[in-house]
Amino acid sequence: FGNAGVGYGEFSVSGTMKCYFENENLYKQALNGDRLSLALGVTDGEGGGYLFEMPRIKFKDAAVEFGGKDADVMLNLPFQAFYDASKGYGMSVARAVAP
């Protein structure tokens, strides 16, 4: 039957990250809710994995998470991905197969 009965619909991508920042500029952009891009790669122990790319994301409701004594301060960043007309997608997933 293949993809019998599959129709058009909406696709929504959102998530939350806990992160450190490479520089103050990225930190300020996240807190301001500026639109940025995000690429996240994950691999297994054998060299296979996935690359998730979201060319237009917007962070919202950032919250600083204060740990206990001698603990790192992390930033919780919920985000929403949006369709990027120049790329033709809102999220891309590429699979890397282990050699």
PDB file of N, CA and C in Angstrom:
ATOM      1  N   PHE A   1       0.796  -1.191   0.000  1.00  0.00           N
ATOM      2  CA  PHE A   1       0.000   0.000   0.000  1.00  0.00           C
ATOM      3  C   PHE A   1       0.848   1.267   0.000  1.00  0.00           C
ATOM      4  N   GLY A   2       2.079   1.178   0.459  1.00  0.00           N
ATOM      5  CA  GLY A   2       2.916   2.375   0.513  1.00  0.00           C
ATOM      6  C   GLY A   2       2.364   3.393   1.481  1.00  0.00           C
ATOM      7  N   ASN A   3       2.331   4.633   1.061  1.00  0.00           N
ATOM      8  CA  ASN A   3       1.846   5.725   1.911  1.00  0.00           C
ATOM      9  C   ASN A   3       0.373   6.028   1.651  1.00  0.00           C
ATOM     10  N   ALA A   4      -0.453   5.031   1.603  1.00  0.00           N
ATOM     11  CA  ALA A   4      -1.874   5.228   1.338  1.00  0.00           C
ATOM     12  C   ALA A   4      -2.522   6.047   2.442  1.00  0.00           C
ATOM     13  N   GLY A   5      -3.250   7.077   2.042  1.00  0.00           N
ATOM     14  CA  GLY A   5      -3.995   7.877   3.008  1.00  0.00           C
ATOM     15  C   GLY A   5      -3.194   8.957   3.718  1.00  0.00           C
ATOM     16  N   VAL A   6      -1.942   9.163   3.320  1.00  0.00           N
ATOM     17  CA  VAL A   6      -1.137  10.206   3.957  1.00  0.00           C
ATOM     18  C   VAL A   6      -1.477  11.539   3.305  1.00  0.00           C
ATOM     19  N   GLY A   7      -1.811  12.521   4.120  1.00  0.00           N
ATOM     20  CA  GLY A   7      -2.178  13.831   3.597  1.00  0.00           C
ATOM     21  C   GLY A   7      -1.282  14.918   4.164  1.00  0.00           C
ATOM     22  N   TYR A   8      -1.511  16.126   3.710  1.00  0.00           N
ATOM     23  CA  TYR A   8      -0.768  17.275   4.205  1.00  0.00           C
ATOM     24  C   TYR A   8      -1.207  17.614   5.622  1.00  0.00           C
ATOM     25  N   GLY A   9      -0.307  18.161   6.387  1.00  0.00           N
ATOM     26  CA  GLY A   9      -0.614  18.561   7.749  1.00  0.00           C
ATOM     27  C   GLY A   9       0.435  19.529   8.247  1.00  0.00           C
ATOM     28  N   GLU A  10       0.433  19.767   9.509  1.00  0.00           N
ATOM     29  CA  GLU A  10       1.395  20.672  10.121  1.00  0.00           C
ATOM     30  C   GLU A  10       2.478  19.872  10.829  1.00  0.00           C
ATOM     31  N   PHE A  11       3.665  20.429  10.852  1.00  0.00           N
ATOM     32  CA  PHE A  11       4.809  19.808  11.499  1.00  0.00           C
ATOM     33  C   PHE A  11       5.384  20.826  12.461  1.00  0.00           C
ATOM     34  N   SER A  12       5.438  20.491  13.716  1.00  0.00           N
ATOM     35  CA  SER A  12       5.920  21.426  14.730  1.00  0.00           C
ATOM     36  C   SER A  12       7.114  20.820  15.449  1.00  0.00           C
ATOM     37  N   VAL A  13       8.175  21.599  15.567  1.00  0.00           N
ATOM     38  CA  VAL A  13       9.375  21.148  16.264  1.00  0.00           C
ATOM     39  C   VAL A  13       9.652  22.103  17.410  1.00  0.00           C
ATOM     40  N   SER A  14       9.779  21.561  18.601  1.00  0.00           N
ATOM     41  CA  SER A  14      10.138  22.374  19.758  1.00  0.00           C
ATOM     42  C   SER A  14      10.954  21.507  20.706  1.00  0.00           C
ATOM     43  N   GLY A  15      11.620  22.140  21.635  1.00  0.00           N
ATOM     44  CA  GLY A  15      12.430  21.414  22.598  1.00  0.00           C
ATOM     45  C   GLY A  15      12.981  22.352  23.650  1.00  0.00           C
ATOM     46  N   THR A  16      13.797  21.809  24.518  1.00  0.00           N
ATOM     47  CA  THR A  16      14.469  22.594  25.550  1.00  0.00           C
ATOM     48  C   THR A  16      15.907  22.136  25.636  1.00  0.00           C
ATOM     49  N   MET A  17      16.815  23.091  25.750  1.00  0.00           N
ATOM     50  CA  MET A  17      18.235  22.787  25.896  1.00  0.00           C
ATOM     51  C   MET A  17      18.730  23.355  27.219  1.00  0.00           C
ATOM     52  N   LYS A  18      19.706  22.699  27.807  1.00  0.00           N
ATOM     53  CA  LYS A  18      20.477  23.252  28.916  1.00  0.00           C
ATOM     54  C   LYS A  18      21.866  23.454  28.350  1.00  0.00           C
ATOM     55  N   CYS A  19      22.384  24.665  28.467  1.00  0.00           N
ATOM     56  CA  CYS A  19      23.641  24.889  27.767  1.00  0.00           C
ATOM     57  C   CYS A  19      24.548  25.931  28.415  1.00  0.00           C
ATOM     58  N   TYR A  20      25.793  25.877  27.950  1.00  0.00           N
ATOM     59  CA  TYR A  20      26.810  26.893  28.174  1.00  0.00           C
ATOM     60  C   TYR A  20      26.926  27.661  26.862  1.00  0.00           C
ATOM     61  N   PHE A  21      27.517  28.841  26.902  1.00  0.00           N
ATOM     62  CA  PHE A  21      27.690  29.612  25.681  1.00  0.00           C
ATOM     63  C   PHE A  21      29.152  29.888  25.418  1.00  0.00           C
ATOM     64  N   GLU A  22      29.491  29.882  24.133  1.00  0.00           N
ATOM     65  CA  GLU A  22      30.858  30.138  23.707  1.00  0.00           C
ATOM     66  C   GLU A  22      31.258  31.586  23.960  1.00  0.00           C
ATOM     67  N   ASN A  23      30.278  32.494  23.841  1.00  0.00           N
ATOM     68  CA  ASN A  23      30.578  33.904  24.059  1.00  0.00           C
ATOM     69  C   ASN A  23      29.326  34.642  24.527  1.00  0.00           C
ATOM     70  N   GLU A  24      29.517  35.855  24.976  1.00  0.00           N
ATOM     71  CA  GLU A  24      28.418  36.663  25.513  1.00  0.00           C
ATOM     72  C   GLU A  24      27.408  37.044  24.433  1.00  0.00           C
ATOM     73  N   ASN A  25      27.859  37.188  23.201  1.00  0.00           N
ATOM     74  CA  ASN A  25      26.963  37.556  22.114  1.00  0.00           C
ATOM     75  C   ASN A  25      25.861  36.515  21.925  1.00  0.00           C
ATOM     76  N   LEU A  26      26.224  35.235  21.894  1.00  0.00           N
ATOM     77  CA  LEU A  26      25.222  34.170  21.750  1.00  0.00           C
ATOM     78  C   LEU A  26      24.281  34.142  22.945  1.00  0.00           C
ATOM     79  N   TYR A  27      24.816  34.357  24.128  1.00  0.00           N
ATOM     80  CA  TYR A  27      24.001  34.388  25.349  1.00  0.00           C
ATOM     81  C   TYR A  27      22.952  35.497  25.257  1.00  0.00           C
ATOM     82  N   LYS A  28      23.374  36.688  24.844  1.00  0.00           N
ATOM     83  CA  LYS A  28      22.442  37.814  24.723  1.00  0.00           C
ATOM     84  C   LYS A  28      21.398  37.560  23.644  1.00  0.00           C
ATOM     85  N   GLN A  29      21.805  36.962  22.519  1.00  0.00           N
ATOM     86  CA  GLN A  29      20.849  36.661  21.460  1.00  0.00           C
ATOM     87  C   GLN A  29      19.786  35.679  21.954  1.00  0.00           C
ATOM     88  N   ALA A  30      20.190  34.698  22.727  1.00  0.00           N
ATOM     89  CA  ALA A  30      19.237  33.719  23.262  1.00  0.00           C
ATOM     90  C   ALA A  30      18.268  34.387  24.228  1.00  0.00           C
ATOM     91  N   LEU A  31      18.779  35.228  25.120  1.00  0.00           N
ATOM     92  CA  LEU A  31      17.917  35.907  26.082  1.00  0.00           C
ATOM     93  C   LEU A  31      16.967  36.888  25.416  1.00  0.00           C
ATOM     94  N   ASN A  32      17.411  37.509  24.323  1.00  0.00           N
ATOM     95  CA  ASN A  32      16.576  38.470  23.602  1.00  0.00           C
ATOM     96  C   ASN A  32      15.518  37.798  22.731  1.00  0.00           C
ATOM     97  N   GLY A  33      15.609  36.471  22.563  1.00  0.00           N
ATOM     98  CA  GLY A  33      14.657  35.777  21.703  1.00  0.00           C
ATOM     99  C   GLY A  33      14.939  35.969  20.226  1.00  0.00           C
ATOM    100  N   ASP A  34      16.190  36.298  19.880  1.00  0.00           N
ATOM    101  CA  ASP A  34      16.560  36.457  18.473  1.00  0.00           C
ATOM    102  C   ASP A  34      16.425  35.117  17.750  1.00  0.00           C
ATOM    103  N   ARG A  35      16.162  35.172  16.465  1.00  0.00           N
ATOM    104  CA  ARG A  35      16.102  33.944  15.675  1.00  0.00           C
ATOM    105  C   ARG A  35      17.509  33.534  15.276  1.00  0.00           C
ATOM    106  N   LEU A  36      17.824  32.278  15.539  1.00  0.00           N
ATOM    107  CA  LEU A  36      19.142  31.727  15.261  1.00  0.00           C
ATOM    108  C   LEU A  36      18.976  30.398  14.531  1.00  0.00           C
ATOM    109  N   SER A  37      20.087  29.752  14.186  1.00  0.00           N
ATOM    110  CA  SER A  37      20.040  28.410  13.627  1.00  0.00           C
ATOM    111  C   SER A  37      20.677  27.448  14.634  1.00  0.00           C
ATOM    112  N   LEU A  38      20.318  26.169  14.524  1.00  0.00           N
ATOM    113  CA  LEU A  38      20.827  25.165  15.445  1.00  0.00           C
ATOM    114  C   LEU A  38      21.127  23.893  14.676  1.00  0.00           C
ATOM    115  N   ALA A  39      22.320  23.354  14.873  1.00  0.00           N
ATOM    116  CA  ALA A  39      22.690  22.049  14.318  1.00  0.00           C
ATOM    117  C   ALA A  39      23.198  21.207  15.474  1.00  0.00           C
ATOM    118  N   LEU A  40      22.673  20.001  15.587  1.00  0.00           N
ATOM    119  CA  LEU A  40      23.014  19.116  16.692  1.00  0.00           C
ATOM    120  C   LEU A  40      23.339  17.741  16.143  1.00  0.00           C
ATOM    121  N   GLY A  41      24.543  17.257  16.414  1.00  0.00           N
ATOM    122  CA  GLY A  41      24.952  15.937  15.962  1.00  0.00           C
ATOM    123  C   GLY A  41      25.040  14.968  17.127  1.00  0.00           C
ATOM    124  N   VAL A  42      24.594  13.750  16.910  1.00  0.00           N
ATOM    125  CA  VAL A  42      24.712  12.691  17.908  1.00  0.00           C
ATOM    126  C   VAL A  42      25.295  11.458  17.217  1.00  0.00           C
ATOM    127  N   THR A  43      26.155  10.748  17.933  1.00  0.00           N
ATOM    128  CA  THR A  43      26.780   9.550  17.374  1.00  0.00           C
ATOM    129  C   THR A  43      26.728   8.407  18.377  1.00  0.00           C
ATOM    130  N   ASP A  44      26.848   7.195  17.840  1.00  0.00           N
ATOM    131  CA  ASP A  44      26.963   6.037  18.707  1.00  0.00           C
ATOM    132  C   ASP A  44      28.438   5.651  18.814  1.00  0.00           C
ATOM    133  N   GLY A  45      28.743   4.631  19.560  1.00  0.00           N
ATOM    134  CA  GLY A  45      30.130   4.226  19.776  1.00  0.00           C
ATOM    135  C   GLY A  45      30.812   3.657  18.553  1.00  0.00           C
ATOM    136  N   GLU A  46      30.057   3.354  17.501  1.00  0.00           N
ATOM    137  CA  GLU A  46      30.628   2.758  16.298  1.00  0.00           C
ATOM    138  C   GLU A  46      30.800   3.748  15.156  1.00  0.00           C
ATOM    139  N   GLY A  47      30.454   5.011  15.376  1.00  0.00           N
ATOM    140  CA  GLY A  47      30.651   6.033  14.354  1.00  0.00           C
ATOM    141  C   GLY A  47      29.419   6.382  13.546  1.00  0.00           C
ATOM    142  N   GLY A  48      28.303   5.741  13.801  1.00  0.00           N
ATOM    143  CA  GLY A  48      27.059   6.101  13.126  1.00  0.00           C
ATOM    144  C   GLY A  48      26.356   7.184  13.924  1.00  0.00           C
ATOM    145  N   GLY A  49      25.419   7.859  13.309  1.00  0.00           N
ATOM    146  CA  GLY A  49      24.691   8.881  14.055  1.00  0.00           C
ATOM    147  C   GLY A  49      23.768   9.689  13.180  1.00  0.00           C
ATOM    148  N   TYR A  50      23.330  10.810  13.728  1.00  0.00           N
ATOM    149  CA  TYR A  50      22.392  11.699  13.056  1.00  0.00           C
ATOM    150  C   TYR A  50      22.823  13.152  13.245  1.00  0.00           C
ATOM    151  N   LEU A  51      22.500  13.973  12.253  1.00  0.00           N
ATOM    152  CA  LEU A  51      22.683  15.414  12.346  1.00  0.00           C
ATOM    153  C   LEU A  51      21.312  16.050  12.182  1.00  0.00           C
ATOM    154  N   PHE A  52      20.890  16.791  13.196  1.00  0.00           N
ATOM    155  CA  PHE A  52      19.622  17.507  13.172  1.00  0.00           C
ATOM    156  C   PHE A  52      19.928  18.977  12.925  1.00  0.00           C
ATOM    157  N   GLU A  53      19.367  19.534  11.860  1.00  0.00           N
ATOM    158  CA  GLU A  53      19.594  20.948  11.540  1.00  0.00           C
ATOM    159  C   GLU A  53      18.263  21.680  11.511  1.00  0.00           C
ATOM    160  N   MET A  54      18.209  22.790  12.238  1.00  0.00           N
ATOM    161  CA  MET A  54      17.043  23.665  12.237  1.00  0.00           C
ATOM    162  C   MET A  54      17.544  25.062  11.869  1.00  0.00           C
ATOM    163  N   PRO A  55      17.286  25.506  10.643  1.00  0.00           N
ATOM    164  CA  PRO A  55      17.864  26.767  10.181  1.00  0.00           C
ATOM    165  C   PRO A  55      17.266  28.025  10.801  1.00  0.00           C
ATOM    166  N   ARG A  56      16.061  27.928  11.382  1.00  0.00           N
ATOM    167  CA  ARG A  56      15.429  29.096  12.024  1.00  0.00           C
ATOM    168  C   ARG A  56      14.777  28.647  13.323  1.00  0.00           C
ATOM    169  N   ILE A  57      15.396  29.004  14.434  1.00  0.00           N
ATOM    170  CA  ILE A  57      14.777  28.728  15.723  1.00  0.00           C
ATOM    171  C   ILE A  57      14.675  30.017  16.519  1.00  0.00           C
ATOM    172  N   LYS A  58      13.767  30.015  17.464  1.00  0.00           N
ATOM    173  CA  LYS A  58      13.623  31.155  18.359  1.00  0.00           C
ATOM    174  C   LYS A  58      13.538  30.614  19.778  1.00  0.00           C
ATOM    175  N   PHE A  59      14.398  31.137  20.640  1.00  0.00           N
ATOM    176  CA  PHE A  59      14.370  30.763  22.047  1.00  0.00           C
ATOM    177  C   PHE A  59      13.309  31.587  22.755  1.00  0.00           C
ATOM    178  N   LYS A  60      12.683  31.002  23.768  1.00  0.00           N
ATOM    179  CA  LYS A  60      11.663  31.726  24.516  1.00  0.00           C
ATOM    180  C   LYS A  60      11.727  31.319  25.978  1.00  0.00           C
ATOM    181  N   ASP A  61      11.352  32.224  26.846  1.00  0.00           N
ATOM    182  CA  ASP A  61      11.259  31.944  28.282  1.00  0.00           C
ATOM    183  C   ASP A  61      12.531  31.348  28.872  1.00  0.00           C
ATOM    184  N   ALA A  62      13.668  31.942  28.552  1.00  0.00           N
ATOM    185  CA  ALA A  62      14.943  31.464  29.101  1.00  0.00           C
ATOM    186  C   ALA A  62      14.934  31.596  30.617  1.00  0.00           C
ATOM    187  N   ALA A  63      15.496  30.593  31.292  1.00  0.00           N
ATOM    188  CA  ALA A  63      15.539  30.603  32.757  1.00  0.00           C
ATOM    189  C   ALA A  63      16.906  30.133  33.228  1.00  0.00           C
ATOM    190  N   VAL A  64      17.502  30.912  34.102  1.00  0.00           N
ATOM    191  CA  VAL A  64      18.794  30.531  34.678  1.00  0.00           C
ATOM    192  C   VAL A  64      18.539  29.507  35.777  1.00  0.00           C
ATOM    193  N   GLU A  65      19.305  28.423  35.749  1.00  0.00           N
ATOM    194  CA  GLU A  65      19.185  27.366  36.743  1.00  0.00           C
ATOM    195  C   GLU A  65      20.423  27.412  37.635  1.00  0.00           C
ATOM    196  N   PHE A  66      20.207  27.826  38.874  1.00  0.00           N
ATOM    197  CA  PHE A  66      21.313  27.910  39.819  1.00  0.00           C
ATOM    198  C   PHE A  66      21.441  26.583  40.540  1.00  0.00           C
ATOM    199  N   GLY A  67      22.613  25.988  40.455  1.00  0.00           N
ATOM    200  CA  GLY A  67      22.862  24.732  41.151  1.00  0.00           C
ATOM    201  C   GLY A  67      23.238  25.003  42.593  1.00  0.00           C
ATOM    202  N   GLY A  68      23.672  23.983  43.247  1.00  0.00           N
ATOM    203  CA  GLY A  68      24.098  24.114  44.630  1.00  0.00           C
ATOM    204  C   GLY A  68      25.534  24.611  44.712  1.00  0.00           C
ATOM    205  N   LYS A  69      26.103  24.484  45.864  1.00  0.00           N
ATOM    206  CA  LYS A  69      27.485  24.900  46.104  1.00  0.00           C
ATOM    207  C   LYS A  69      28.413  24.159  45.146  1.00  0.00           C
ATOM    208  N   ASP A  70      29.337  24.880  44.553  1.00  0.00           N
ATOM    209  CA  ASP A  70      30.323  24.349  43.606  1.00  0.00           C
ATOM    210  C   ASP A  70      29.686  23.723  42.357  1.00  0.00           C
ATOM    211  N   ALA A  71      28.488  24.149  42.008  1.00  0.00           N
ATOM    212  CA  ALA A  71      27.808  23.628  40.819  1.00  0.00           C
ATOM    213  C   ALA A  71      27.776  24.695  39.730  1.00  0.00           C
ATOM    214  N   ASP A  72      27.721  24.240  38.504  1.00  0.00           N
ATOM    215  CA  ASP A  72      27.656  25.156  37.371  1.00  0.00           C
ATOM    216  C   ASP A  72      26.293  25.833  37.302  1.00  0.00           C
ATOM    217  N   VAL A  73      26.285  27.023  36.723  1.00  0.00           N
ATOM    218  CA  VAL A  73      25.035  27.731  36.454  1.00  0.00           C
ATOM    219  C   VAL A  73      24.698  27.441  34.991  1.00  0.00           C
ATOM    220  N   MET A  74      23.510  26.899  34.765  1.00  0.00           N
ATOM    221  CA  MET A  74      23.084  26.520  33.421  1.00  0.00           C
ATOM    222  C   MET A  74      21.919  27.410  32.990  1.00  0.00           C
ATOM    223  N   LEU A  75      21.718  27.486  31.701  1.00  0.00           N
ATOM    224  CA  LEU A  75      20.601  28.239  31.157  1.00  0.00           C
ATOM    225  C   LEU A  75      19.649  27.259  30.468  1.00  0.00           C
ATOM    226  N   ASN A  76      18.415  27.205  30.945  1.00  0.00           N
ATOM    227  CA  ASN A  76      17.378  26.391  30.303  1.00  0.00           C
ATOM    228  C   ASN A  76      16.755  27.222  29.193  1.00  0.00           C
ATOM    229  N   LEU A  77      16.781  26.688  27.982  1.00  0.00           N
ATOM    230  CA  LEU A  77      16.288  27.427  26.827  1.00  0.00           C
ATOM    231  C   LEU A  77      15.257  26.626  26.038  1.00  0.00           C
ATOM    232  N   PRO A  78      13.975  26.868  26.269  1.00  0.00           N
ATOM    233  CA  PRO A  78      12.972  26.281  25.389  1.00  0.00           C
ATOM    234  C   PRO A  78      13.068  26.959  24.018  1.00  0.00           C
ATOM    235  N   PHE A  79      12.837  26.197  22.949  1.00  0.00           N
ATOM    236  CA  PHE A  79      12.909  26.782  21.608  1.00  0.00           C
ATOM    237  C   PHE A  79      11.804  26.233  20.724  1.00  0.00           C
ATOM    238  N   GLN A  80      11.547  26.969  19.658  1.00  0.00           N
ATOM    239  CA  GLN A  80      10.590  26.575  18.624  1.00  0.00           C
ATOM    240  C   GLN A  80      11.304  26.725  17.289  1.00  0.00           C
ATOM    241  N   ALA A  81      11.181  25.718  16.412  1.00  0.00           N
ATOM    242  CA  ALA A  81      11.763  25.791  15.074  1.00  0.00           C
ATOM    243  C   ALA A  81      10.702  26.297  14.097  1.00  0.00           C
ATOM    244  N   PHE A  82      11.150  27.036  13.079  1.00  0.00           N
ATOM    245  CA  PHE A  82      10.257  27.614  12.083  1.00  0.00           C
ATOM    246  C   PHE A  82      10.703  27.219  10.681  1.00  0.00           C
ATOM    247  N   TYR A  83       9.786  27.258   9.761  1.00  0.00           N
ATOM    248  CA  TYR A  83      10.077  26.991   8.349  1.00  0.00           C
ATOM    249  C   TYR A  83      10.999  28.074   7.808  1.00  0.00           C
ATOM    250  N   ASP A  84      12.033  27.660   7.086  1.00  0.00           N
ATOM    251  CA  ASP A  84      12.961  28.590   6.445  1.00  0.00           C
ATOM    252  C   ASP A  84      12.733  28.509   4.939  1.00  0.00           C
ATOM    253  N   ALA A  85      12.145  29.555   4.365  1.00  0.00           N
ATOM    254  CA  ALA A  85      11.800  29.553   2.944  1.00  0.00           C
ATOM    255  C   ALA A  85      13.035  29.430   2.050  1.00  0.00           C
ATOM    256  N   SER A  86      14.167  29.992   2.466  1.00  0.00           N
ATOM    257  CA  SER A  86      15.368  29.925   1.628  1.00  0.00           C
ATOM    258  C   SER A  86      15.920  28.501   1.551  1.00  0.00           C
ATOM    259  N   LYS A  87      15.700  27.686   2.575  1.00  0.00           N
ATOM    260  CA  LYS A  87      16.168  26.291   2.575  1.00  0.00           C
ATOM    261  C   LYS A  87      15.066  25.325   2.162  1.00  0.00           C
ATOM    262  N   GLY A  88      13.820  25.725   2.344  1.00  0.00           N
ATOM    263  CA  GLY A  88      12.701  24.878   1.971  1.00  0.00           C
ATOM    264  C   GLY A  88      12.293  23.870   3.038  1.00  0.00           C
ATOM    265  N   TYR A  89      12.737  24.077   4.274  1.00  0.00           N
ATOM    266  CA  TYR A  89      12.362  23.176   5.365  1.00  0.00           C
ATOM    267  C   TYR A  89      12.522  23.867   6.712  1.00  0.00           C
ATOM    268  N   GLY A  90      11.958  23.259   7.739  1.00  0.00           N
ATOM    269  CA  GLY A  90      12.098  23.752   9.102  1.00  0.00           C
ATOM    270  C   GLY A  90      13.069  22.910   9.910  1.00  0.00           C
ATOM    271  N   MET A  91      13.230  21.633   9.487  1.00  0.00           N
ATOM    272  CA  MET A  91      14.180  20.752  10.159  1.00  0.00           C
ATOM    273  C   MET A  91      14.647  19.698   9.172  1.00  0.00           C
ATOM    274  N   SER A  92      15.939  19.426   9.221  1.00  0.00           N
ATOM    275  CA  SER A  92      16.545  18.408   8.376  1.00  0.00           C
ATOM    276  C   SER A  92      17.206  17.375   9.263  1.00  0.00           C
ATOM    277  N   VAL A  93      17.058  16.105   8.923  1.00  0.00           N
ATOM    278  CA  VAL A  93      17.722  15.016   9.645  1.00  0.00           C
ATOM    279  C   VAL A  93      18.562  14.238   8.659  1.00  0.00           C
ATOM    280  N   ALA A  94      19.869  14.174   8.905  1.00  0.00           N
ATOM    281  CA  ALA A  94      20.782  13.421   8.042  1.00  0.00           C
ATOM    282  C   ALA A  94      21.369  12.266   8.853  1.00  0.00           C
ATOM    283  N   ARG A  95      21.385  11.093   8.260  1.00  0.00           N
ATOM    284  CA  ARG A  95      21.895   9.895   8.945  1.00  0.00           C
ATOM    285  C   ARG A  95      23.292   9.588   8.445  1.00  0.00           C
ATOM    286  N   ALA A  96      24.205   9.302   9.367  1.00  0.00           N
ATOM    287  CA  ALA A  96      25.557   8.876   9.038  1.00  0.00           C
ATOM    288  C   ALA A  96      25.676   7.416   9.430  1.00  0.00           C
ATOM    289  N   VAL A  97      26.063   6.582   8.477  1.00  0.00           N
ATOM    290  CA  VAL A  97      26.203   5.157   8.729  1.00  0.00           C
ATOM    291  C   VAL A  97      27.661   4.852   9.092  1.00  0.00           C
ATOM    292  N   ALA A  98      27.849   4.024  10.113  1.00  0.00           N
ATOM    293  CA  ALA A  98      29.202   3.652  10.534  1.00  0.00           C
ATOM    294  C   ALA A  98      29.920   2.922   9.402  1.00  0.00           C
ATOM    295  N   PRO A  99      31.212   3.221   9.215  1.00  0.00           N
ATOM    296  CA  PRO A  99      31.969   2.566   8.126  1.00  0.00           C
ATOM    297  C   PRO A  99      32.138   1.076   8.352  1.00  0.00           C
TER     298      PRO A  99
END
